[in-house]
Amino acid sequence: MDKSAARLALIEERLNMPDRLQRSDALQRVLRIWLVGRADTVIGAYWPIKGEFDPLPALHRWKEDGELLEGPAMKRIGLPVVDKLRKSLTFHAWYPGCPMENDAYDIPKPKDTEVVVPTLLFVPCLGYGPGGYRLGYGGGFYDRTLAALKPRPMTVGLGYTQGFLEDFEPEPHDLPLDAILNDNGVVWPV
């Protein structure tokens, strides 16, 4: 598989899905249901780019529900901040309306918020294949970050059904995700 060509094709397909909003709504429901009863108090996510699924509405709802049930400030959401030198990520607290600025790759990140350490990390999937492996944009930021995090958070990929690659072959440095959710439900583990 030519991963560069696959990346370009998947981005183009995702941006041109005529039913992307309906698929996004379906994945919002899948994610909200999947989060019910989880004990995590800090969840890392991402700012969506290039037509990616946006997990932030479901996560904000998760945080609000937790505050109603468990009291204020019990749950936190973190967004990635790129360390360009180490080519890895740290996660900084995010909330709707928090100050944002663009990172080195022109992606919004929280400005001047504290570092948080997620126990659950949602990872965007450009593509994904059997065994819980994901295809990202090729920078290796998540792979390096996950290899360095101790303890490693639970990792859950989020993507659309159109991103499934039946013949995807992981490379030796690729780490499988613990779960993958798409607009049809839980894809991995099956």
N, C-alpha and C. Protein backbone atom coordinates (compact mmCIF):
# COMPACT_ATOMS: atom_id res chain seq x y z
N MET A 1 0.84 -1.18 0.00
CA MET A 1 0.00 0.00 0.00
C MET A 1 0.89 1.25 0.00
N ASP A 2 0.61 2.15 -0.89
CA ASP A 2 1.30 3.43 -0.94
C ASP A 2 0.58 4.35 0.05
N LYS A 3 1.18 4.53 1.24
CA LYS A 3 0.52 5.29 2.30
C LYS A 3 0.31 6.75 1.93
N SER A 4 1.24 7.35 1.22
CA SER A 4 1.07 8.75 0.81
C SER A 4 -0.15 8.91 -0.09
N ALA A 5 -0.28 8.02 -1.05
CA ALA A 5 -1.43 8.07 -1.96
C ALA A 5 -2.72 7.77 -1.20
N ALA A 6 -2.67 6.81 -0.28
CA ALA A 6 -3.85 6.48 0.51
C ALA A 6 -4.29 7.67 1.36
N ARG A 7 -3.32 8.38 1.95
CA ARG A 7 -3.65 9.57 2.76
C ARG A 7 -4.38 10.61 1.92
N LEU A 8 -3.83 10.92 0.77
CA LEU A 8 -4.45 11.93 -0.10
C LEU A 8 -5.86 11.51 -0.52
N ALA A 9 -6.02 10.25 -0.89
CA ALA A 9 -7.33 9.75 -1.32
C ALA A 9 -8.33 9.79 -0.17
N LEU A 10 -7.90 9.39 1.03
CA LEU A 10 -8.81 9.38 2.18
C LEU A 10 -9.24 10.79 2.58
N ILE A 11 -8.32 11.74 2.55
CA ILE A 11 -8.68 13.13 2.86
C ILE A 11 -9.70 13.63 1.85
N GLU A 12 -9.44 13.39 0.58
CA GLU A 12 -10.36 13.83 -0.48
C GLU A 12 -11.73 13.19 -0.31
N GLU A 13 -11.76 11.88 -0.06
CA GLU A 13 -13.04 11.18 0.16
C GLU A 13 -13.79 11.76 1.34
N ARG A 14 -13.06 11.97 2.45
CA ARG A 14 -13.70 12.47 3.67
C ARG A 14 -14.27 13.86 3.46
N LEU A 15 -13.51 14.73 2.82
CA LEU A 15 -13.98 16.10 2.59
C LEU A 15 -15.19 16.14 1.65
N ASN A 16 -15.33 15.14 0.80
CA ASN A 16 -16.41 15.13 -0.19
C ASN A 16 -17.55 14.18 0.13
N MET A 17 -17.58 13.60 1.33
CA MET A 17 -18.69 12.73 1.70
C MET A 17 -19.97 13.56 1.73
N PRO A 18 -20.96 13.22 0.92
CA PRO A 18 -22.19 14.02 0.92
C PRO A 18 -22.98 13.91 2.23
N ASP A 19 -22.75 12.85 2.97
CA ASP A 19 -23.48 12.62 4.22
C ASP A 19 -22.59 12.76 5.45
N ARG A 20 -21.52 13.56 5.34
CA ARG A 20 -20.58 13.69 6.46
C ARG A 20 -21.26 14.22 7.72
N LEU A 21 -22.18 15.16 7.60
CA LEU A 21 -22.87 15.69 8.79
C LEU A 21 -23.71 14.61 9.47
N GLN A 22 -24.40 13.79 8.69
CA GLN A 22 -25.19 12.70 9.28
C GLN A 22 -24.27 11.67 9.94
N ARG A 23 -23.15 11.37 9.29
CA ARG A 23 -22.20 10.42 9.88
C ARG A 23 -21.60 10.98 11.16
N SER A 24 -21.34 12.28 11.16
CA SER A 24 -20.81 12.93 12.36
C SER A 24 -21.82 12.86 13.49
N ASP A 25 -23.09 13.11 13.20
CA ASP A 25 -24.13 12.99 14.22
C ASP A 25 -24.19 11.57 14.79
N ALA A 26 -24.08 10.59 13.90
CA ALA A 26 -24.11 9.19 14.35
C ALA A 26 -22.91 8.90 15.24
N LEU A 27 -21.73 9.37 14.88
CA LEU A 27 -20.54 9.13 15.69
C LEU A 27 -20.60 9.90 17.00
N GLN A 28 -21.22 11.07 17.01
CA GLN A 28 -21.44 11.78 18.28
C GLN A 28 -22.23 10.89 19.24
N ARG A 29 -23.29 10.26 18.73
CA ARG A 29 -24.12 9.37 19.58
C ARG A 29 -23.31 8.16 20.05
N VAL A 30 -22.56 7.55 19.14
CA VAL A 30 -21.73 6.39 19.49
C VAL A 30 -20.76 6.78 20.61
N LEU A 31 -20.09 7.90 20.45
CA LEU A 31 -19.12 8.35 21.43
C LEU A 31 -19.77 8.65 22.77
N ARG A 32 -20.88 9.34 22.77
CA ARG A 32 -21.56 9.66 24.04
C ARG A 32 -21.98 8.39 24.77
N ILE A 33 -22.50 7.43 24.05
CA ILE A 33 -22.91 6.16 24.69
C ILE A 33 -21.68 5.42 25.20
N TRP A 34 -20.60 5.39 24.40
CA TRP A 34 -19.39 4.68 24.78
C TRP A 34 -18.79 5.27 26.06
N LEU A 35 -18.95 6.58 26.27
CA LEU A 35 -18.39 7.24 27.45
C LEU A 35 -19.18 6.98 28.75
N VAL A 36 -20.42 6.55 28.63
CA VAL A 36 -21.25 6.35 29.82
C VAL A 36 -20.60 5.34 30.76
N GLY A 37 -20.44 5.75 31.99
CA GLY A 37 -19.92 4.86 33.02
C GLY A 37 -18.41 4.75 33.09
N ARG A 38 -17.69 5.45 32.21
CA ARG A 38 -16.22 5.40 32.26
C ARG A 38 -15.74 6.17 33.49
N ALA A 39 -14.69 5.69 34.10
CA ALA A 39 -14.16 6.30 35.32
C ALA A 39 -13.13 7.39 35.04
N ASP A 40 -12.77 7.62 33.79
CA ASP A 40 -11.75 8.61 33.45
C ASP A 40 -12.17 10.00 33.91
N THR A 41 -11.19 10.77 34.37
CA THR A 41 -11.47 12.16 34.74
C THR A 41 -10.72 13.14 33.84
N VAL A 42 -9.73 12.67 33.10
CA VAL A 42 -9.01 13.51 32.14
C VAL A 42 -8.96 12.78 30.80
N ILE A 43 -9.56 13.40 29.80
CA ILE A 43 -9.58 12.82 28.46
C ILE A 43 -8.86 13.76 27.51
N GLY A 44 -7.92 13.19 26.77
CA GLY A 44 -7.24 13.93 25.71
C GLY A 44 -7.98 13.73 24.40
N ALA A 45 -8.03 14.78 23.60
CA ALA A 45 -8.72 14.72 22.31
C ALA A 45 -7.88 15.48 21.28
N TYR A 46 -8.53 16.07 20.30
CA TYR A 46 -7.83 16.78 19.23
C TYR A 46 -8.76 17.83 18.64
N TRP A 47 -8.15 18.84 18.02
CA TRP A 47 -8.91 19.84 17.29
C TRP A 47 -9.07 19.31 15.86
N PRO A 48 -10.29 19.15 15.36
CA PRO A 48 -10.47 18.51 14.05
C PRO A 48 -9.97 19.37 12.89
N ILE A 49 -9.29 18.71 11.96
CA ILE A 49 -8.81 19.35 10.73
C ILE A 49 -9.16 18.45 9.55
N LYS A 50 -9.17 19.00 8.37
CA LYS A 50 -9.33 18.24 7.13
C LYS A 50 -10.54 17.31 7.14
N GLY A 51 -11.65 17.80 7.67
CA GLY A 51 -12.88 17.01 7.68
C GLY A 51 -12.95 15.93 8.73
N GLU A 52 -12.03 15.94 9.71
CA GLU A 52 -12.06 14.94 10.78
C GLU A 52 -13.33 15.07 11.61
N PHE A 53 -13.71 13.98 12.23
CA PHE A 53 -14.80 13.99 13.19
C PHE A 53 -14.42 14.90 14.36
N ASP A 54 -15.36 15.70 14.83
CA ASP A 54 -15.14 16.61 15.96
C ASP A 54 -15.65 15.97 17.25
N PRO A 55 -14.75 15.51 18.13
CA PRO A 55 -15.19 14.87 19.37
C PRO A 55 -15.57 15.87 20.47
N LEU A 56 -15.28 17.14 20.28
CA LEU A 56 -15.41 18.11 21.37
C LEU A 56 -16.84 18.32 21.85
N PRO A 57 -17.88 18.33 20.99
CA PRO A 57 -19.24 18.44 21.54
C PRO A 57 -19.60 17.30 22.49
N ALA A 58 -19.28 16.06 22.11
CA ALA A 58 -19.59 14.92 22.98
C ALA A 58 -18.78 14.99 24.27
N LEU A 59 -17.52 15.43 24.17
CA LEU A 59 -16.68 15.51 25.37
C LEU A 59 -17.14 16.64 26.30
N HIS A 60 -17.57 17.74 25.72
CA HIS A 60 -18.09 18.82 26.57
C HIS A 60 -19.35 18.34 27.30
N ARG A 61 -20.19 17.59 26.61
CA ARG A 61 -21.39 17.02 27.25
C ARG A 61 -20.99 16.05 28.36
N TRP A 62 -19.97 15.22 28.12
CA TRP A 62 -19.46 14.28 29.13
C TRP A 62 -19.00 15.06 30.37
N LYS A 63 -18.28 16.16 30.14
CA LYS A 63 -17.78 16.99 31.25
C LYS A 63 -18.94 17.62 32.01
N GLU A 64 -19.89 18.18 31.29
CA GLU A 64 -21.05 18.80 31.94
C GLU A 64 -21.86 17.79 32.73
N ASP A 65 -22.09 16.61 32.15
CA ASP A 65 -22.84 15.56 32.86
C ASP A 65 -22.11 15.16 34.13
N GLY A 66 -20.78 15.06 34.06
CA GLY A 66 -20.00 14.71 35.24
C GLY A 66 -20.09 15.76 36.32
N GLU A 67 -20.12 17.03 35.92
CA GLU A 67 -20.23 18.10 36.91
C GLU A 67 -21.59 18.08 37.59
N LEU A 68 -22.63 17.73 36.84
CA LEU A 68 -23.96 17.65 37.43
C LEU A 68 -24.04 16.50 38.43
N LEU A 69 -23.43 15.37 38.07
CA LEU A 69 -23.53 14.17 38.90
C LEU A 69 -22.51 14.13 40.03
N GLU A 70 -21.29 14.65 39.76
CA GLU A 70 -20.19 14.45 40.69
C GLU A 70 -19.66 15.73 41.32
N GLY A 71 -20.16 16.88 40.92
CA GLY A 71 -19.68 18.14 41.47
C GLY A 71 -18.80 18.88 40.48
N PRO A 72 -18.51 20.15 40.74
CA PRO A 72 -17.76 20.97 39.79
C PRO A 72 -16.29 20.55 39.65
N ALA A 73 -15.78 20.78 38.46
CA ALA A 73 -14.35 20.62 38.13
C ALA A 73 -13.80 19.22 38.36
N MET A 74 -14.63 18.22 38.21
CA MET A 74 -14.15 16.85 38.39
C MET A 74 -13.55 16.27 37.12
N LYS A 75 -14.03 16.70 35.96
CA LYS A 75 -13.57 16.13 34.70
C LYS A 75 -12.88 17.20 33.87
N ARG A 76 -11.83 16.77 33.13
CA ARG A 76 -11.04 17.69 32.32
C ARG A 76 -10.89 17.16 30.91
N ILE A 77 -10.76 18.07 29.96
CA ILE A 77 -10.50 17.74 28.56
C ILE A 77 -9.18 18.40 28.19
N GLY A 78 -8.31 17.66 27.51
CA GLY A 78 -7.03 18.21 27.06
C GLY A 78 -6.90 18.14 25.55
N LEU A 79 -6.31 19.18 24.98
CA LEU A 79 -6.01 19.19 23.55
C LEU A 79 -4.50 19.19 23.36
N PRO A 80 -4.03 18.63 22.24
CA PRO A 80 -2.59 18.51 22.04
C PRO A 80 -1.91 19.84 21.74
N VAL A 81 -0.70 19.94 22.26
CA VAL A 81 0.20 21.04 21.94
C VAL A 81 1.48 20.39 21.43
N VAL A 82 1.89 20.79 20.24
CA VAL A 82 3.05 20.18 19.58
C VAL A 82 4.35 20.68 20.19
N ASP A 83 5.22 19.73 20.50
CA ASP A 83 6.61 20.04 20.83
C ASP A 83 7.38 19.77 19.55
N LYS A 84 7.67 20.84 18.80
CA LYS A 84 8.27 20.68 17.47
C LYS A 84 9.67 20.09 17.54
N LEU A 85 10.41 20.39 18.62
CA LEU A 85 11.76 19.86 18.77
C LEU A 85 11.75 18.34 18.96
N ARG A 86 10.90 17.85 19.87
CA ARG A 86 10.82 16.41 20.16
C ARG A 86 9.84 15.68 19.25
N LYS A 87 9.08 16.44 18.48
CA LYS A 87 8.05 15.88 17.60
C LYS A 87 7.08 15.00 18.38
N SER A 88 6.63 15.54 19.51
CA SER A 88 5.67 14.83 20.34
C SER A 88 4.62 15.82 20.81
N LEU A 89 3.71 15.34 21.62
CA LEU A 89 2.57 16.14 22.07
C LEU A 89 2.50 16.17 23.60
N THR A 90 2.07 17.29 24.13
CA THR A 90 1.59 17.37 25.51
C THR A 90 0.14 17.81 25.41
N PHE A 91 -0.61 17.63 26.47
CA PHE A 91 -2.02 17.98 26.44
C PHE A 91 -2.28 19.09 27.44
N HIS A 92 -3.00 20.11 26.97
CA HIS A 92 -3.32 21.26 27.80
C HIS A 92 -4.82 21.38 27.96
N ALA A 93 -5.25 21.82 29.14
CA ALA A 93 -6.67 21.91 29.44
C ALA A 93 -7.40 22.76 28.40
N TRP A 94 -8.57 22.28 28.00
CA TRP A 94 -9.44 22.99 27.06
C TRP A 94 -10.84 23.03 27.61
N TYR A 95 -11.52 24.10 27.35
CA TYR A 95 -12.94 24.25 27.66
C TYR A 95 -13.52 25.21 26.63
N PRO A 96 -14.82 25.12 26.34
CA PRO A 96 -15.39 26.03 25.36
C PRO A 96 -15.13 27.48 25.76
N GLY A 97 -14.63 28.24 24.82
CA GLY A 97 -14.35 29.65 25.07
C GLY A 97 -12.97 29.94 25.63
N CYS A 98 -12.15 28.90 25.89
CA CYS A 98 -10.82 29.18 26.42
C CYS A 98 -9.98 29.86 25.33
N PRO A 99 -9.01 30.67 25.74
CA PRO A 99 -8.17 31.34 24.74
C PRO A 99 -7.42 30.30 23.91
N MET A 100 -7.36 30.56 22.61
CA MET A 100 -6.70 29.63 21.68
C MET A 100 -5.69 30.42 20.85
N GLU A 101 -4.69 29.69 20.34
CA GLU A 101 -3.73 30.24 19.39
C GLU A 101 -3.32 29.11 18.46
N ASN A 102 -2.78 29.44 17.31
CA ASN A 102 -2.37 28.40 16.37
C ASN A 102 -0.98 27.88 16.71
N ASP A 103 -0.79 26.56 16.53
CA ASP A 103 0.51 25.96 16.78
C ASP A 103 1.39 26.06 15.55
N ALA A 104 2.51 25.38 15.56
CA ALA A 104 3.48 25.43 14.46
C ALA A 104 2.90 24.91 13.15
N TYR A 105 1.82 24.13 13.22
CA TYR A 105 1.19 23.57 12.03
C TYR A 105 -0.12 24.26 11.71
N ASP A 106 -0.35 25.41 12.34
CA ASP A 106 -1.53 26.23 12.11
C ASP A 106 -2.82 25.57 12.61
N ILE A 107 -2.70 24.73 13.63
CA ILE A 107 -3.85 24.09 14.24
C ILE A 107 -4.09 24.77 15.58
N PRO A 108 -5.35 25.14 15.89
CA PRO A 108 -5.63 25.79 17.17
C PRO A 108 -5.25 24.91 18.36
N LYS A 109 -4.69 25.57 19.39
CA LYS A 109 -4.33 24.90 20.64
C LYS A 109 -4.69 25.83 21.79
N PRO A 110 -4.93 25.28 22.98
CA PRO A 110 -5.21 26.12 24.14
C PRO A 110 -4.02 27.04 24.44
N LYS A 111 -4.32 28.28 24.79
CA LYS A 111 -3.26 29.24 25.09
C LYS A 111 -3.18 29.43 26.61
N ASP A 112 -1.98 29.15 27.14
CA ASP A 112 -1.69 29.42 28.55
C ASP A 112 -2.59 28.66 29.53
N THR A 113 -2.96 27.42 29.18
CA THR A 113 -3.69 26.59 30.14
C THR A 113 -2.73 25.52 30.66
N GLU A 114 -3.08 24.91 31.77
CA GLU A 114 -2.17 23.96 32.41
C GLU A 114 -2.11 22.64 31.65
N VAL A 115 -0.98 21.96 31.83
CA VAL A 115 -0.78 20.63 31.26
C VAL A 115 -1.65 19.64 32.03
N VAL A 116 -2.31 18.75 31.30
CA VAL A 116 -3.09 17.69 31.91
C VAL A 116 -2.58 16.36 31.36
N VAL A 117 -2.75 15.30 32.12
CA VAL A 117 -2.28 13.98 31.69
C VAL A 117 -3.51 13.08 31.52
N PRO A 118 -3.86 12.78 30.27
CA PRO A 118 -5.06 11.98 30.03
C PRO A 118 -4.87 10.50 30.41
N THR A 119 -5.95 9.93 30.93
CA THR A 119 -6.00 8.48 31.13
C THR A 119 -6.70 7.80 29.96
N LEU A 120 -7.38 8.60 29.16
CA LEU A 120 -8.05 8.15 27.94
C LEU A 120 -7.73 9.17 26.86
N LEU A 121 -7.29 8.68 25.70
CA LEU A 121 -6.88 9.56 24.62
C LEU A 121 -7.62 9.18 23.35
N PHE A 122 -8.39 10.15 22.82
CA PHE A 122 -9.05 9.97 21.54
C PHE A 122 -8.12 10.45 20.44
N VAL A 123 -7.92 9.60 19.44
CA VAL A 123 -6.96 9.85 18.36
C VAL A 123 -7.73 9.88 17.04
N PRO A 124 -7.47 10.89 16.21
CA PRO A 124 -8.16 10.92 14.91
C PRO A 124 -7.62 9.85 13.98
N CYS A 125 -8.52 9.20 13.27
CA CYS A 125 -8.13 8.18 12.30
C CYS A 125 -8.43 8.69 10.90
N LEU A 126 -7.39 8.93 10.14
CA LEU A 126 -7.58 9.21 8.72
C LEU A 126 -8.04 7.91 8.07
N GLY A 127 -7.35 6.85 8.44
CA GLY A 127 -7.72 5.51 8.02
C GLY A 127 -7.42 4.55 9.15
N TYR A 128 -7.95 3.34 9.06
CA TYR A 128 -7.70 2.33 10.10
C TYR A 128 -7.92 0.96 9.48
N GLY A 129 -7.28 -0.03 10.10
CA GLY A 129 -7.37 -1.37 9.56
C GLY A 129 -7.55 -2.42 10.64
N PRO A 130 -7.54 -3.66 10.24
CA PRO A 130 -7.70 -4.77 11.19
C PRO A 130 -6.63 -4.71 12.28
N GLY A 131 -6.99 -5.17 13.46
CA GLY A 131 -6.05 -5.24 14.58
C GLY A 131 -5.92 -3.95 15.36
N GLY A 132 -6.73 -2.94 15.03
CA GLY A 132 -6.70 -1.70 15.79
C GLY A 132 -5.62 -0.72 15.36
N TYR A 133 -5.10 -0.86 14.16
CA TYR A 133 -4.05 0.04 13.69
C TYR A 133 -4.67 1.21 12.92
N ARG A 134 -4.04 2.39 13.08
CA ARG A 134 -4.55 3.59 12.42
C ARG A 134 -3.55 4.13 11.42
N LEU A 135 -4.09 4.83 10.45
CA LEU A 135 -3.28 5.58 9.51
C LEU A 135 -3.53 7.05 9.82
N GLY A 136 -2.45 7.74 10.20
CA GLY A 136 -2.54 9.17 10.45
C GLY A 136 -1.95 9.93 9.27
N TYR A 137 -1.48 11.12 9.53
CA TYR A 137 -0.95 11.97 8.46
C TYR A 137 0.53 11.73 8.20
N GLY A 138 1.17 10.86 8.98
CA GLY A 138 2.54 10.47 8.70
C GLY A 138 3.61 11.18 9.51
N GLY A 139 3.21 12.05 10.43
CA GLY A 139 4.21 12.77 11.23
C GLY A 139 4.74 11.97 12.41
N GLY A 140 4.02 10.94 12.84
CA GLY A 140 4.46 10.11 13.95
C GLY A 140 4.30 10.72 15.32
N PHE A 141 3.59 11.85 15.43
CA PHE A 141 3.45 12.54 16.72
C PHE A 141 2.76 11.65 17.77
N TYR A 142 1.67 11.00 17.38
CA TYR A 142 0.96 10.16 18.35
C TYR A 142 1.79 8.93 18.72
N ASP A 143 2.46 8.32 17.74
CA ASP A 143 3.29 7.15 18.04
C ASP A 143 4.38 7.49 19.06
N ARG A 144 5.09 8.60 18.83
CA ARG A 144 6.16 9.00 19.76
C ARG A 144 5.60 9.37 21.12
N THR A 145 4.48 10.07 21.13
CA THR A 145 3.87 10.49 22.40
C THR A 145 3.43 9.27 23.20
N LEU A 146 2.75 8.35 22.56
CA LEU A 146 2.26 7.16 23.26
C LEU A 146 3.40 6.28 23.74
N ALA A 147 4.47 6.21 22.97
CA ALA A 147 5.61 5.40 23.39
C ALA A 147 6.26 5.98 24.64
N ALA A 148 6.16 7.29 24.84
CA ALA A 148 6.81 7.95 25.98
C ALA A 148 5.91 8.09 27.20
N LEU A 149 4.60 8.05 27.03
CA LEU A 149 3.69 8.27 28.17
C LEU A 149 3.69 7.06 29.11
N LYS A 150 3.92 7.32 30.37
CA LYS A 150 3.89 6.28 31.41
C LYS A 150 3.02 6.76 32.56
N PRO A 151 1.97 6.08 32.91
CA PRO A 151 1.42 4.92 32.20
C PRO A 151 0.76 5.36 30.89
N ARG A 152 0.72 4.44 29.99
CA ARG A 152 0.10 4.73 28.68
C ARG A 152 -1.40 4.84 28.86
N PRO A 153 -2.00 5.92 28.32
CA PRO A 153 -3.45 6.03 28.43
C PRO A 153 -4.14 5.03 27.51
N MET A 154 -5.39 4.76 27.80
CA MET A 154 -6.19 3.98 26.87
C MET A 154 -6.33 4.83 25.60
N THR A 155 -6.16 4.22 24.44
CA THR A 155 -6.24 4.96 23.19
C THR A 155 -7.43 4.48 22.36
N VAL A 156 -8.21 5.45 21.89
CA VAL A 156 -9.41 5.14 21.12
C VAL A 156 -9.39 5.97 19.84
N GLY A 157 -9.40 5.28 18.71
CA GLY A 157 -9.45 5.97 17.43
C GLY A 157 -10.86 6.36 17.08
N LEU A 158 -10.99 7.51 16.43
CA LEU A 158 -12.29 8.00 15.97
C LEU A 158 -12.19 8.28 14.47
N GLY A 159 -13.12 7.72 13.71
CA GLY A 159 -13.11 7.95 12.27
C GLY A 159 -14.43 7.52 11.66
N TYR A 160 -14.53 7.76 10.38
CA TYR A 160 -15.74 7.38 9.65
C TYR A 160 -15.56 6.01 9.00
N THR A 161 -16.67 5.37 8.68
CA THR A 161 -16.60 4.05 8.05
C THR A 161 -15.83 4.08 6.74
N GLN A 162 -15.85 5.21 6.03
CA GLN A 162 -15.13 5.30 4.76
C GLN A 162 -13.64 5.16 4.94
N GLY A 163 -13.12 5.29 6.16
CA GLY A 163 -11.68 5.21 6.39
C GLY A 163 -11.14 3.80 6.61
N PHE A 164 -12.02 2.80 6.59
CA PHE A 164 -11.54 1.43 6.82
C PHE A 164 -10.72 0.95 5.64
N LEU A 165 -9.52 0.43 5.93
CA LEU A 165 -8.61 -0.08 4.92
C LEU A 165 -8.37 -1.56 5.19
N GLU A 166 -9.04 -2.41 4.46
CA GLU A 166 -8.97 -3.85 4.69
C GLU A 166 -7.55 -4.39 4.57
N ASP A 167 -6.76 -3.83 3.65
CA ASP A 167 -5.41 -4.35 3.40
C ASP A 167 -4.32 -3.53 4.09
N PHE A 168 -4.66 -2.80 5.14
CA PHE A 168 -3.69 -1.95 5.84
C PHE A 168 -2.67 -2.82 6.57
N GLU A 169 -1.39 -2.55 6.32
CA GLU A 169 -0.30 -3.28 6.96
C GLU A 169 0.45 -2.33 7.88
N PRO A 170 0.42 -2.56 9.20
CA PRO A 170 1.14 -1.67 10.11
C PRO A 170 2.65 -1.84 9.96
N GLU A 171 3.36 -0.78 10.30
CA GLU A 171 4.82 -0.82 10.32
C GLU A 171 5.27 -1.22 11.72
N PRO A 172 6.53 -1.65 11.88
CA PRO A 172 7.00 -2.13 13.20
C PRO A 172 6.83 -1.12 14.33
N HIS A 173 6.91 0.18 14.05
CA HIS A 173 6.77 1.19 15.11
C HIS A 173 5.31 1.52 15.44
N ASP A 174 4.36 1.06 14.62
CA ASP A 174 2.95 1.37 14.85
C ASP A 174 2.43 0.63 16.08
N LEU A 175 1.69 1.35 16.90
CA LEU A 175 1.08 0.77 18.09
C LEU A 175 -0.42 0.62 17.85
N PRO A 176 -0.99 -0.55 18.16
CA PRO A 176 -2.44 -0.70 17.97
C PRO A 176 -3.20 0.13 19.00
N LEU A 177 -4.36 0.62 18.59
CA LEU A 177 -5.25 1.33 19.50
C LEU A 177 -6.00 0.30 20.35
N ASP A 178 -6.49 0.75 21.49
CA ASP A 178 -7.27 -0.13 22.36
C ASP A 178 -8.69 -0.32 21.85
N ALA A 179 -9.19 0.68 21.11
CA ALA A 179 -10.53 0.62 20.53
C ALA A 179 -10.60 1.58 19.36
N ILE A 180 -11.52 1.33 18.46
CA ILE A 180 -11.83 2.26 17.37
C ILE A 180 -13.34 2.37 17.28
N LEU A 181 -13.82 3.62 17.23
CA LEU A 181 -15.24 3.90 17.07
C LEU A 181 -15.45 4.58 15.73
N ASN A 182 -16.53 4.20 15.05
CA ASN A 182 -16.91 4.93 13.84
C ASN A 182 -18.40 5.20 13.86
N ASP A 183 -18.93 5.73 12.77
CA ASP A 183 -20.32 6.11 12.73
C ASP A 183 -21.29 4.92 12.76
N ASN A 184 -20.77 3.70 12.68
CA ASN A 184 -21.61 2.51 12.82
C ASN A 184 -21.52 1.89 14.22
N GLY A 185 -20.56 2.33 15.03
CA GLY A 185 -20.41 1.76 16.37
C GLY A 185 -18.96 1.46 16.70
N VAL A 186 -18.76 0.40 17.49
CA VAL A 186 -17.42 -0.01 17.90
C VAL A 186 -16.85 -0.93 16.82
N VAL A 187 -15.70 -0.55 16.28
CA VAL A 187 -15.06 -1.33 15.23
C VAL A 187 -14.03 -2.28 15.81
N TRP A 188 -13.31 -1.80 16.82
CA TRP A 188 -12.24 -2.58 17.44
C TRP A 188 -12.28 -2.34 18.93
N PRO A 189 -12.11 -3.30 19.78
CA PRO A 189 -12.01 -4.72 19.45
C PRO A 189 -13.37 -5.28 19.04
N VAL A 190 -13.31 -6.29 18.20
CA VAL A 190 -14.55 -6.91 17.71
C VAL A 190 -14.82 -8.19 18.47
